[in-house]
Amino acid sequence: MQGTGTSPESGSIKVAEDQKDEADNYEQIVADQQKRTGKVSNDDFTLLQVIGTGSYGKVLLVKKKETGKLYAMKVLKKSYLKKQKQIEHTMDERKILEKINSPFIIKLNYAY
C-alpha cells in the first residue's frame, strides 16, 4: 500500500513529531512561567525532608534560601514520565496549577 501513509514507518514518524511538538510546547510554558516568577533552581532551596513518594517521583519539604518560606517541592522522574507516556498529563497538571486560585488546592509558586 504505497502512498497511503499506513505503514508502520510513517506512524512512528508522526508519533515522534507529536512528541517533539509537546516538548516544544512545554519549553514555551516553562519560559512563560520564568518570565512571571524569575528563574529558580535547586540551588535556591534547602531540602528539609521527604514528605512522600509515589510512582512518578517524590514530594520534598524545602525552604527558599532567600526568604526562608517553606514550600512543598514535587520532583518528577522525567525518564519515567516519558516511558509511561505521561508527558501530556504532566503538562496539563502544570497549566492547571499555574492558573487556579483556590483555598482548597495547592498553589504552584515556582516550576523548573
PDB file of N, CA and C in Angstrom:
ATOM      1  N   MET A   1       0.833  -1.184   0.000  1.00  0.00           N
ATOM      2  CA  MET A   1       0.000   0.000   0.000  1.00  0.00           C
ATOM      3  C   MET A   1       0.869   1.236   0.000  1.00  0.00           C
ATOM      4  N   GLN A   2       1.429   1.494  -1.101  1.00  0.00           N
ATOM      5  CA  GLN A   2       2.321   2.632  -1.203  1.00  0.00           C
ATOM      6  C   GLN A   2       1.539   3.932  -1.276  1.00  0.00           C
ATOM      7  N   GLY A   3       1.988   4.943  -0.538  1.00  0.00           N
ATOM      8  CA  GLY A   3       1.375   6.258  -0.607  1.00  0.00           C
ATOM      9  C   GLY A   3       0.155   6.452   0.289  1.00  0.00           C
ATOM     10  N   THR A   4      -0.233   5.442   1.082  1.00  0.00           N
ATOM     11  CA  THR A   4      -1.418   5.595   1.923  1.00  0.00           C
ATOM     12  C   THR A   4      -1.096   6.153   3.291  1.00  0.00           C
ATOM     13  N   GLY A   5       0.170   6.085   3.678  1.00  0.00           N
ATOM     14  CA  GLY A   5       0.540   6.609   4.990  1.00  0.00           C
ATOM     15  C   GLY A   5       0.179   5.676   6.134  1.00  0.00           C
ATOM     16  N   THR A   6      -0.104   4.395   5.826  1.00  0.00           N
ATOM     17  CA  THR A   6      -0.489   3.457   6.872  1.00  0.00           C
ATOM     18  C   THR A   6       0.640   2.526   7.268  1.00  0.00           C
ATOM     19  N   SER A   7       1.815   2.701   6.704  1.00  0.00           N
ATOM     20  CA  SER A   7       2.929   1.829   7.051  1.00  0.00           C
ATOM     21  C   SER A   7       3.406   2.137   8.466  1.00  0.00           C
ATOM     22  N   PRO A   8       3.992   1.151   9.126  1.00  0.00           N
ATOM     23  CA  PRO A   8       4.491   1.395  10.494  1.00  0.00           C
ATOM     24  C   PRO A   8       5.525   2.510  10.544  1.00  0.00           C
ATOM     25  N   GLU A   9       6.318   2.648   9.462  1.00  0.00           N
ATOM     26  CA  GLU A   9       7.350   3.675   9.464  1.00  0.00           C
ATOM     27  C   GLU A   9       6.740   5.062   9.532  1.00  0.00           C
ATOM     28  N   SER A  10       5.702   5.323   8.739  1.00  0.00           N
ATOM     29  CA  SER A  10       5.099   6.656   8.752  1.00  0.00           C
ATOM     30  C   SER A  10       4.400   6.923  10.073  1.00  0.00           C
ATOM     31  N   GLY A  11       3.834   5.913  10.705  1.00  0.00           N
ATOM     32  CA  GLY A  11       3.203   6.072  12.016  1.00  0.00           C
ATOM     33  C   GLY A  11       4.203   6.459  13.073  1.00  0.00           C
ATOM     34  N   SER A  12       5.391   5.854  13.029  1.00  0.00           N
ATOM     35  CA  SER A  12       6.399   6.174  14.039  1.00  0.00           C
ATOM     36  C   SER A  12       6.940   7.585  13.852  1.00  0.00           C
ATOM     37  N   ILE A  13       6.989   8.061  12.613  1.00  0.00           N
ATOM     38  CA  ILE A  13       7.451   9.425  12.368  1.00  0.00           C
ATOM     39  C   ILE A  13       6.437  10.414  12.933  1.00  0.00           C
ATOM     40  N   LYS A  14       5.142  10.140  12.750  1.00  0.00           N
ATOM     41  CA  LYS A  14       4.102  11.022  13.270  1.00  0.00           C
ATOM     42  C   LYS A  14       4.171  11.083  14.792  1.00  0.00           C
ATOM     43  N   VAL A  15       4.363   9.944  15.455  1.00  0.00           N
ATOM     44  CA  VAL A  15       4.461   9.921  16.919  1.00  0.00           C
ATOM     45  C   VAL A  15       5.667  10.742  17.371  1.00  0.00           C
ATOM     46  N   ALA A  16       6.799  10.595  16.702  1.00  0.00           N
ATOM     47  CA  ALA A  16       7.997  11.348  17.066  1.00  0.00           C
ATOM     48  C   ALA A  16       7.759  12.843  16.893  1.00  0.00           C
ATOM     49  N   GLU A  17       7.079  13.250  15.815  1.00  0.00           N
ATOM     50  CA  GLU A  17       6.783  14.663  15.597  1.00  0.00           C
ATOM     51  C   GLU A  17       5.841  15.189  16.672  1.00  0.00           C
ATOM     52  N   ASP A  18       4.830  14.388  17.061  1.00  0.00           N
ATOM     53  CA  ASP A  18       3.904  14.796  18.116  1.00  0.00           C
ATOM     54  C   ASP A  18       4.639  15.003  19.436  1.00  0.00           C
ATOM     55  N   GLN A  19       5.563  14.111  19.756  1.00  0.00           N
ATOM     56  CA  GLN A  19       6.321  14.245  21.000  1.00  0.00           C
ATOM     57  C   GLN A  19       7.214  15.472  20.954  1.00  0.00           C
ATOM     58  N   LYS A  20       7.787  15.764  19.787  1.00  0.00           N
ATOM     59  CA  LYS A  20       8.620  16.964  19.647  1.00  0.00           C
ATOM     60  C   LYS A  20       7.766  18.215  19.843  1.00  0.00           C
ATOM     61  N   ASP A  21       6.553  18.225  19.263  1.00  0.00           N
ATOM     62  CA  ASP A  21       5.652  19.361  19.438  1.00  0.00           C
ATOM     63  C   ASP A  21       5.299  19.540  20.913  1.00  0.00           C
ATOM     64  N   GLU A  22       5.040  18.439  21.630  1.00  0.00           N
ATOM     65  CA  GLU A  22       4.732  18.513  23.058  1.00  0.00           C
ATOM     66  C   GLU A  22       5.904  19.090  23.827  1.00  0.00           C
ATOM     67  N   ALA A  23       7.119  18.637  23.490  1.00  0.00           N
ATOM     68  CA  ALA A  23       8.313  19.127  24.180  1.00  0.00           C
ATOM     69  C   ALA A  23       8.509  20.614  23.917  1.00  0.00           C
ATOM     70  N   ASP A  24       8.307  21.055  22.662  1.00  0.00           N
ATOM     71  CA  ASP A  24       8.441  22.473  22.335  1.00  0.00           C
ATOM     72  C   ASP A  24       7.400  23.298  23.088  1.00  0.00           C
ATOM     73  N   ASN A  25       6.169  22.793  23.145  1.00  0.00           N
ATOM     74  CA  ASN A  25       5.094  23.476  23.866  1.00  0.00           C
ATOM     75  C   ASN A  25       5.446  23.580  25.349  1.00  0.00           C
ATOM     76  N   TYR A  26       5.987  22.522  25.911  1.00  0.00           N
ATOM     77  CA  TYR A  26       6.372  22.520  27.321  1.00  0.00           C
ATOM     78  C   TYR A  26       7.466  23.552  27.582  1.00  0.00           C
ATOM     79  N   GLU A  27       8.429  23.627  26.681  1.00  0.00           N
ATOM     80  CA  GLU A  27       9.508  24.602  26.852  1.00  0.00           C
ATOM     81  C   GLU A  27       8.953  26.031  26.831  1.00  0.00           C
ATOM     82  N   GLN A  28       7.939  26.276  26.014  1.00  0.00           N
ATOM     83  CA  GLN A  28       7.318  27.604  25.966  1.00  0.00           C
ATOM     84  C   GLN A  28       6.604  27.906  27.282  1.00  0.00           C
ATOM     85  N   ILE A  29       5.930  26.897  27.844  1.00  0.00           N
ATOM     86  CA  ILE A  29       5.245  27.059  29.122  1.00  0.00           C
ATOM     87  C   ILE A  29       6.262  27.402  30.214  1.00  0.00           C
ATOM     88  N   VAL A  30       7.381  26.701  30.205  1.00  0.00           N
ATOM     89  CA  VAL A  30       8.435  26.953  31.187  1.00  0.00           C
ATOM     90  C   VAL A  30       8.960  28.387  31.038  1.00  0.00           C
ATOM     91  N   ALA A  31       9.208  28.810  29.813  1.00  0.00           N
ATOM     92  CA  ALA A  31       9.719  30.162  29.580  1.00  0.00           C
ATOM     93  C   ALA A  31       8.729  31.215  30.076  1.00  0.00           C
ATOM     94  N   ASP A  32       7.443  31.010  29.809  1.00  0.00           N
ATOM     95  CA  ASP A  32       6.423  31.954  30.276  1.00  0.00           C
ATOM     96  C   ASP A  32       6.389  32.032  31.799  1.00  0.00           C
ATOM     97  N   GLN A  33       6.472  30.881  32.471  1.00  0.00           N
ATOM     98  CA  GLN A  33       6.461  30.848  33.937  1.00  0.00           C
ATOM     99  C   GLN A  33       7.678  31.576  34.495  1.00  0.00           C
ATOM    100  N   GLN A  34       8.839  31.379  33.874  1.00  0.00           N
ATOM    101  CA  GLN A  34      10.052  32.025  34.356  1.00  0.00           C
ATOM    102  C   GLN A  34       9.994  33.537  34.185  1.00  0.00           C
ATOM    103  N   LYS A  35       9.308  34.009  33.163  1.00  0.00           N
ATOM    104  CA  LYS A  35       9.145  35.452  32.987  1.00  0.00           C
ATOM    105  C   LYS A  35       8.337  36.043  34.134  1.00  0.00           C
ATOM    106  N   ARG A  36       7.340  35.273  34.622  1.00  0.00           N
ATOM    107  CA  ARG A  36       6.477  35.768  35.701  1.00  0.00           C
ATOM    108  C   ARG A  36       7.154  35.692  37.063  1.00  0.00           C
ATOM    109  N   THR A  37       7.895  34.631  37.329  1.00  0.00           N
ATOM    110  CA  THR A  37       8.418  34.413  38.676  1.00  0.00           C
ATOM    111  C   THR A  37       9.931  34.573  38.789  1.00  0.00           C
ATOM    112  N   GLY A  38      10.619  34.699  37.688  1.00  0.00           N
ATOM    113  CA  GLY A  38      12.074  34.726  37.711  1.00  0.00           C
ATOM    114  C   GLY A  38      12.616  33.306  37.698  1.00  0.00           C
ATOM    115  N   LYS A  39      13.867  33.172  37.336  1.00  0.00           N
ATOM    116  CA  LYS A  39      14.457  31.841  37.265  1.00  0.00           C
ATOM    117  C   LYS A  39      14.784  31.332  38.658  1.00  0.00           C
ATOM    118  N   VAL A  40      14.476  30.063  38.877  1.00  0.00           N
ATOM    119  CA  VAL A  40      14.848  29.397  40.121  1.00  0.00           C
ATOM    120  C   VAL A  40      15.493  28.069  39.769  1.00  0.00           C
ATOM    121  N   SER A  41      16.230  27.525  40.720  1.00  0.00           N
ATOM    122  CA  SER A  41      16.868  26.220  40.522  1.00  0.00           C
ATOM    123  C   SER A  41      16.974  25.534  41.878  1.00  0.00           C
ATOM    124  N   ASN A  42      17.512  24.339  41.871  1.00  0.00           N
ATOM    125  CA  ASN A  42      17.715  23.602  43.120  1.00  0.00           C
ATOM    126  C   ASN A  42      18.554  24.399  44.112  1.00  0.00           C
ATOM    127  N   ASP A  43      19.457  25.216  43.596  1.00  0.00           N
ATOM    128  CA  ASP A  43      20.354  25.984  44.463  1.00  0.00           C
ATOM    129  C   ASP A  43      19.622  27.036  45.294  1.00  0.00           C
ATOM    130  N   ASP A  44      18.396  27.390  44.886  1.00  0.00           N
ATOM    131  CA  ASP A  44      17.620  28.405  45.602  1.00  0.00           C
ATOM    132  C   ASP A  44      16.862  27.837  46.802  1.00  0.00           C
ATOM    133  N   PHE A  45      16.916  26.517  46.991  1.00  0.00           N
ATOM    134  CA  PHE A  45      16.145  25.864  48.043  1.00  0.00           C
ATOM    135  C   PHE A  45      17.036  24.973  48.893  1.00  0.00           C
ATOM    136  N   THR A  46      16.668  24.839  50.164  1.00  0.00           N
ATOM    137  CA  THR A  46      17.331  23.914  51.078  1.00  0.00           C
ATOM    138  C   THR A  46      16.369  22.768  51.363  1.00  0.00           C
ATOM    139  N   LEU A  47      16.808  21.547  51.119  1.00  0.00           N
ATOM    140  CA  LEU A  47      15.984  20.366  51.378  1.00  0.00           C
ATOM    141  C   LEU A  47      15.906  20.125  52.879  1.00  0.00           C
ATOM    142  N   LEU A  48      14.680  20.011  53.394  1.00  0.00           N
ATOM    143  CA  LEU A  48      14.498  19.748  54.821  1.00  0.00           C
ATOM    144  C   LEU A  48      14.144  18.283  55.080  1.00  0.00           C
ATOM    145  N   GLN A  49      13.173  17.746  54.328  1.00  0.00           N
ATOM    146  CA  GLN A  49      12.831  16.330  54.490  1.00  0.00           C
ATOM    147  C   GLN A  49      11.932  15.873  53.357  1.00  0.00           C
ATOM    148  N   VAL A  50      11.815  14.564  53.201  1.00  0.00           N
ATOM    149  CA  VAL A  50      10.911  13.975  52.214  1.00  0.00           C
ATOM    150  C   VAL A  50       9.531  13.864  52.854  1.00  0.00           C
ATOM    151  N   ILE A  51       8.525  14.405  52.165  1.00  0.00           N
ATOM    152  CA  ILE A  51       7.152  14.346  52.661  1.00  0.00           C
ATOM    153  C   ILE A  51       6.472  13.064  52.197  1.00  0.00           C
ATOM    154  N   GLY A  52       6.704  12.690  50.944  1.00  0.00           N
ATOM    155  CA  GLY A  52       6.072  11.479  50.416  1.00  0.00           C
ATOM    156  C   GLY A  52       6.703  11.057  49.105  1.00  0.00           C
ATOM    157  N   THR A  53       6.429   9.822  48.702  1.00  0.00           N
ATOM    158  CA  THR A  53       6.940   9.296  47.444  1.00  0.00           C
ATOM    159  C   THR A  53       5.805   8.648  46.679  1.00  0.00           C
ATOM    160  N   GLY A  54       5.987   8.566  45.366  1.00  0.00           N
ATOM    161  CA  GLY A  54       4.996   7.934  44.508  1.00  0.00           C
ATOM    162  C   GLY A  54       5.683   7.296  43.320  1.00  0.00           C
ATOM    163  N   SER A  55       4.901   6.828  42.378  1.00  0.00           N
ATOM    164  CA  SER A  55       5.486   6.117  41.239  1.00  0.00           C
ATOM    165  C   SER A  55       6.225   7.054  40.293  1.00  0.00           C
ATOM    166  N   TYR A  56       5.850   8.328  40.229  1.00  0.00           N
ATOM    167  CA  TYR A  56       6.491   9.260  39.305  1.00  0.00           C
ATOM    168  C   TYR A  56       7.593  10.086  39.945  1.00  0.00           C
ATOM    169  N   GLY A  57       7.682  10.116  41.256  1.00  0.00           N
ATOM    170  CA  GLY A  57       8.688  10.939  41.912  1.00  0.00           C
ATOM    171  C   GLY A  57       8.420  11.058  43.389  1.00  0.00           C
ATOM    172  N   LYS A  58       8.801  12.211  43.958  1.00  0.00           N
ATOM    173  CA  LYS A  58       8.588  12.409  45.390  1.00  0.00           C
ATOM    174  C   LYS A  58       8.283  13.868  45.682  1.00  0.00           C
ATOM    175  N   VAL A  59       7.779  14.103  46.877  1.00  0.00           N
ATOM    176  CA  VAL A  59       7.460  15.456  47.349  1.00  0.00           C
ATOM    177  C   VAL A  59       8.374  15.754  48.529  1.00  0.00           C
ATOM    178  N   LEU A  60       9.039  16.905  48.444  1.00  0.00           N
ATOM    179  CA  LEU A  60      10.008  17.294  49.460  1.00  0.00           C
ATOM    180  C   LEU A  60       9.552  18.565  50.168  1.00  0.00           C
ATOM    181  N   LEU A  61       9.883  18.680  51.438  1.00  0.00           N
ATOM    182  CA  LEU A  61       9.702  19.929  52.164  1.00  0.00           C
ATOM    183  C   LEU A  61      11.006  20.702  51.988  1.00  0.00           C
ATOM    184  N   VAL A  62      10.899  21.918  51.423  1.00  0.00           N
ATOM    185  CA  VAL A  62      12.084  22.730  51.166  1.00  0.00           C
ATOM    186  C   VAL A  62      11.873  24.130  51.725  1.00  0.00           C
ATOM    187  N   LYS A  63      12.987  24.829  51.935  1.00  0.00           N
ATOM    188  CA  LYS A  63      12.949  26.215  52.390  1.00  0.00           C
ATOM    189  C   LYS A  63      13.663  27.057  51.343  1.00  0.00           C
ATOM    190  N   LYS A  64      13.007  28.131  50.898  1.00  0.00           N
ATOM    191  CA  LYS A  64      13.638  29.038  49.938  1.00  0.00           C
ATOM    192  C   LYS A  64      14.697  29.831  50.695  1.00  0.00           C
ATOM    193  N   LYS A  65      15.919  29.759  50.232  1.00  0.00           N
ATOM    194  CA  LYS A  65      17.037  30.389  50.936  1.00  0.00           C
ATOM    195  C   LYS A  65      16.862  31.898  51.064  1.00  0.00           C
ATOM    196  N   GLU A  66      16.365  32.537  50.039  1.00  0.00           N
ATOM    197  CA  GLU A  66      16.249  33.999  50.010  1.00  0.00           C
ATOM    198  C   GLU A  66      15.234  34.528  51.016  1.00  0.00           C
ATOM    199  N   THR A  67      14.097  33.826  51.159  1.00  0.00           N
ATOM    200  CA  THR A  67      13.014  34.343  52.003  1.00  0.00           C
ATOM    201  C   THR A  67      12.780  33.532  53.269  1.00  0.00           C
ATOM    202  N   GLY A  68      13.254  32.298  53.304  1.00  0.00           N
ATOM    203  CA  GLY A  68      13.011  31.433  54.454  1.00  0.00           C
ATOM    204  C   GLY A  68      11.633  30.792  54.442  1.00  0.00           C
ATOM    205  N   LYS A  69      10.832  31.030  53.385  1.00  0.00           N
ATOM    206  CA  LYS A  69       9.493  30.444  53.298  1.00  0.00           C
ATOM    207  C   LYS A  69       9.590  28.952  52.976  1.00  0.00           C
ATOM    208  N   LEU A  70       8.646  28.194  53.537  1.00  0.00           N
ATOM    209  CA  LEU A  70       8.590  26.754  53.301  1.00  0.00           C
ATOM    210  C   LEU A  70       7.688  26.443  52.109  1.00  0.00           C
ATOM    211  N   TYR A  71       8.097  25.453  51.322  1.00  0.00           N
ATOM    212  CA  TYR A  71       7.336  25.011  50.157  1.00  0.00           C
ATOM    213  C   TYR A  71       7.382  23.488  50.075  1.00  0.00           C
ATOM    214  N   ALA A  72       6.393  22.928  49.417  1.00  0.00           N
ATOM    215  CA  ALA A  72       6.426  21.517  49.040  1.00  0.00           C
ATOM    216  C   ALA A  72       6.930  21.483  47.611  1.00  0.00           C
ATOM    217  N   MET A  73       7.978  20.717  47.364  1.00  0.00           N
ATOM    218  CA  MET A  73       8.560  20.612  46.032  1.00  0.00           C
ATOM    219  C   MET A  73       8.285  19.219  45.479  1.00  0.00           C
ATOM    220  N   LYS A  74       7.600  19.172  44.356  1.00  0.00           N
ATOM    221  CA  LYS A  74       7.311  17.901  43.693  1.00  0.00           C
ATOM    222  C   LYS A  74       8.406  17.655  42.670  1.00  0.00           C
ATOM    223  N   VAL A  75       9.125  16.556  42.817  1.00  0.00           N
ATOM    224  CA  VAL A  75      10.222  16.199  41.927  1.00  0.00           C
ATOM    225  C   VAL A  75       9.770  14.992  41.114  1.00  0.00           C
ATOM    226  N   LEU A  76       9.753  15.155  39.786  1.00  0.00           N
ATOM    227  CA  LEU A  76       9.291  14.096  38.902  1.00  0.00           C
ATOM    228  C   LEU A  76      10.459  13.448  38.178  1.00  0.00           C
ATOM    229  N   LYS A  77      10.337  12.156  37.927  1.00  0.00           N
ATOM    230  CA  LYS A  77      11.336  11.429  37.156  1.00  0.00           C
ATOM    231  C   LYS A  77      10.970  11.551  35.688  1.00  0.00           C
ATOM    232  N   LYS A  78      11.705  12.401  34.963  1.00  0.00           N
ATOM    233  CA  LYS A  78      11.372  12.661  33.565  1.00  0.00           C
ATOM    234  C   LYS A  78      11.456  11.400  32.713  1.00  0.00           C
ATOM    235  N   SER A  79      12.447  10.582  32.958  1.00  0.00           N
ATOM    236  CA  SER A  79      12.584   9.364  32.147  1.00  0.00           C
ATOM    237  C   SER A  79      11.381   8.444  32.337  1.00  0.00           C
ATOM    238  N   TYR A  80      10.878   8.368  33.554  1.00  0.00           N
ATOM    239  CA  TYR A  80       9.713   7.521  33.824  1.00  0.00           C
ATOM    240  C   TYR A  80       8.454   8.110  33.189  1.00  0.00           C
ATOM    241  N   LEU A  81       8.325   9.440  33.223  1.00  0.00           N
ATOM    242  CA  LEU A  81       7.180  10.089  32.592  1.00  0.00           C
ATOM    243  C   LEU A  81       7.158   9.814  31.095  1.00  0.00           C
ATOM    244  N   LYS A  82       8.325   9.908  30.453  1.00  0.00           N
ATOM    245  CA  LYS A  82       8.404   9.623  29.018  1.00  0.00           C
ATOM    246  C   LYS A  82       8.070   8.169  28.734  1.00  0.00           C
ATOM    247  N   LYS A  83       8.627   7.288  29.534  1.00  0.00           N
ATOM    248  CA  LYS A  83       8.415   5.847  29.342  1.00  0.00           C
ATOM    249  C   LYS A  83       6.931   5.492  29.493  1.00  0.00           C
ATOM    250  N   GLN A  84       6.253   6.102  30.445  1.00  0.00           N
ATOM    251  CA  GLN A  84       4.840   5.814  30.701  1.00  0.00           C
ATOM    252  C   GLN A  84       3.900   6.696  29.867  1.00  0.00           C
ATOM    253  N   LYS A  85       4.483   7.536  29.000  1.00  0.00           N
ATOM    254  CA  LYS A  85       3.700   8.424  28.133  1.00  0.00           C
ATOM    255  C   LYS A  85       2.774   9.329  28.952  1.00  0.00           C
ATOM    256  N   GLN A  86       3.338   9.944  29.979  1.00  0.00           N
ATOM    257  CA  GLN A  86       2.581  10.830  30.866  1.00  0.00           C
ATOM    258  C   GLN A  86       2.991  12.289  30.720  1.00  0.00           C
ATOM    259  N   ILE A  87       3.715  12.608  29.663  1.00  0.00           N
ATOM    260  CA  ILE A  87       4.196  13.981  29.472  1.00  0.00           C
ATOM    261  C   ILE A  87       3.025  14.940  29.332  1.00  0.00           C
ATOM    262  N   GLU A  88       2.049  14.583  28.505  1.00  0.00           N
ATOM    263  CA  GLU A  88       0.904  15.473  28.284  1.00  0.00           C
ATOM    264  C   GLU A  88       0.118  15.698  29.574  1.00  0.00           C
ATOM    265  N   HIS A  89      -0.087  14.635  30.363  1.00  0.00           N
ATOM    266  CA  HIS A  89      -0.811  14.775  31.632  1.00  0.00           C
ATOM    267  C   HIS A  89      -0.051  15.683  32.600  1.00  0.00           C
ATOM    268  N   THR A  90       1.258  15.544  32.615  1.00  0.00           N
ATOM    269  CA  THR A  90       2.083  16.357  33.497  1.00  0.00           C
ATOM    270  C   THR A  90       2.028  17.826  33.076  1.00  0.00           C
ATOM    271  N   MET A  91       2.070  18.085  31.768  1.00  0.00           N
ATOM    272  CA  MET A  91       1.969  19.457  31.277  1.00  0.00           C
ATOM    273  C   MET A  91       0.599  20.041  31.612  1.00  0.00           C
ATOM    274  N   ASP A  92      -0.450  19.238  31.472  1.00  0.00           N
ATOM    275  CA  ASP A  92      -1.795  19.710  31.818  1.00  0.00           C
ATOM    276  C   ASP A  92      -1.890  20.051  33.299  1.00  0.00           C
ATOM    277  N   GLU A  93      -1.289  19.208  34.144  1.00  0.00           N
ATOM    278  CA  GLU A  93      -1.300  19.476  35.587  1.00  0.00           C
ATOM    279  C   GLU A  93      -0.624  20.809  35.879  1.00  0.00           C
ATOM    280  N   ARG A  94       0.497  21.036  35.250  1.00  0.00           N
ATOM    281  CA  ARG A  94       1.226  22.289  35.483  1.00  0.00           C
ATOM    282  C   ARG A  94       0.397  23.491  35.033  1.00  0.00           C
ATOM    283  N   LYS A  95      -0.205  23.417  33.836  1.00  0.00           N
ATOM    284  CA  LYS A  95      -1.026  24.517  33.325  1.00  0.00           C
ATOM    285  C   LYS A  95      -2.175  24.830  34.279  1.00  0.00           C
ATOM    286  N   ILE A  96      -2.830  23.794  34.772  1.00  0.00           N
ATOM    287  CA  ILE A  96      -3.963  23.978  35.683  1.00  0.00           C
ATOM    288  C   ILE A  96      -3.509  24.619  36.986  1.00  0.00           C
ATOM    289  N   LEU A  97      -2.428  24.097  37.559  1.00  0.00           N
ATOM    290  CA  LEU A  97      -1.943  24.627  38.833  1.00  0.00           C
ATOM    291  C   LEU A  97      -1.450  26.063  38.717  1.00  0.00           C
ATOM    292  N   GLU A  98      -0.923  26.440  37.532  1.00  0.00           N
ATOM    293  CA  GLU A  98      -0.488  27.825  37.332  1.00  0.00           C
ATOM    294  C   GLU A  98      -1.667  28.789  37.368  1.00  0.00           C
ATOM    295  N   LYS A  99      -2.802  28.360  36.820  1.00  0.00           N
ATOM    296  CA  LYS A  99      -3.931  29.265  36.632  1.00  0.00           C
ATOM    297  C   LYS A  99      -4.932  29.260  37.775  1.00  0.00           C
ATOM    298  N   ILE A 100      -4.990  28.197  38.533  1.00  0.00           N
ATOM    299  CA  ILE A 100      -6.039  28.058  39.547  1.00  0.00           C
ATOM    300  C   ILE A 100      -5.696  28.864  40.796  1.00  0.00           C
ATOM    301  N   ASN A 101      -6.728  29.411  41.415  1.00  0.00           N
ATOM    302  CA  ASN A 101      -6.556  30.156  42.651  1.00  0.00           C
ATOM    303  C   ASN A 101      -7.688  29.736  43.590  1.00  0.00           C
ATOM    304  N   SER A 102      -7.418  28.733  44.420  1.00  0.00           N
ATOM    305  CA  SER A 102      -8.431  28.190  45.309  1.00  0.00           C
ATOM    306  C   SER A 102      -7.805  27.895  46.668  1.00  0.00           C
ATOM    307  N   PRO A 103      -8.544  28.127  47.745  1.00  0.00           N
ATOM    308  CA  PRO A 103      -8.003  27.807  49.068  1.00  0.00           C
ATOM    309  C   PRO A 103      -7.920  26.295  49.316  1.00  0.00           C
ATOM    310  N   PHE A 104      -8.502  25.502  48.429  1.00  0.00           N
ATOM    311  CA  PHE A 104      -8.539  24.054  48.614  1.00  0.00           C
ATOM    312  C   PHE A 104      -7.520  23.306  47.756  1.00  0.00           C
ATOM    313  N   ILE A 105      -6.783  24.019  46.913  1.00  0.00           N
ATOM    314  CA  ILE A 105      -5.804  23.396  46.025  1.00  0.00           C
ATOM    315  C   ILE A 105      -4.466  24.104  46.210  1.00  0.00           C
ATOM    316  N   ILE A 106      -3.413  23.321  46.290  1.00  0.00           N
ATOM    317  CA  ILE A 106      -2.066  23.862  46.453  1.00  0.00           C
ATOM    318  C   ILE A 106      -1.732  24.773  45.282  1.00  0.00           C
ATOM    319  N   LYS A 107      -1.152  25.934  45.571  1.00  0.00           N
ATOM    320  CA  LYS A 107      -0.782  26.892  44.537  1.00  0.00           C
ATOM    321  C   LYS A 107       0.615  26.561  44.003  1.00  0.00           C
ATOM    322  N   LEU A 108       0.766  26.675  42.696  1.00  0.00           N
ATOM    323  CA  LEU A 108       2.078  26.496  42.073  1.00  0.00           C
ATOM    324  C   LEU A 108       2.807  27.838  42.133  1.00  0.00           C
ATOM    325  N   ASN A 109       3.874  27.895  42.912  1.00  0.00           N
ATOM    326  CA  ASN A 109       4.642  29.131  43.051  1.00  0.00           C
ATOM    327  C   ASN A 109       5.818  29.192  42.099  1.00  0.00           C
ATOM    328  N   TYR A 110       6.511  28.098  41.934  1.00  0.00           N
ATOM    329  CA  TYR A 110       7.688  28.029  41.080  1.00  0.00           C
ATOM    330  C   TYR A 110       7.668  26.701  40.339  1.00  0.00           C
ATOM    331  N   ALA A 111       8.282  26.704  39.170  1.00  0.00           N
ATOM    332  CA  ALA A 111       8.446  25.460  38.424  1.00  0.00           C
ATOM    333  C   ALA A 111       9.710  25.568  37.580  1.00  0.00           C
ATOM    334  N   TYR A 112      10.454  24.501  37.526  1.00  0.00           N
ATOM    335  CA  TYR A 112      11.669  24.461  36.707  1.00  0.00           C
ATOM    336  C   TYR A 112      11.994  23.040  36.357  1.00  0.00           C
TER     337      TYR A 112
END
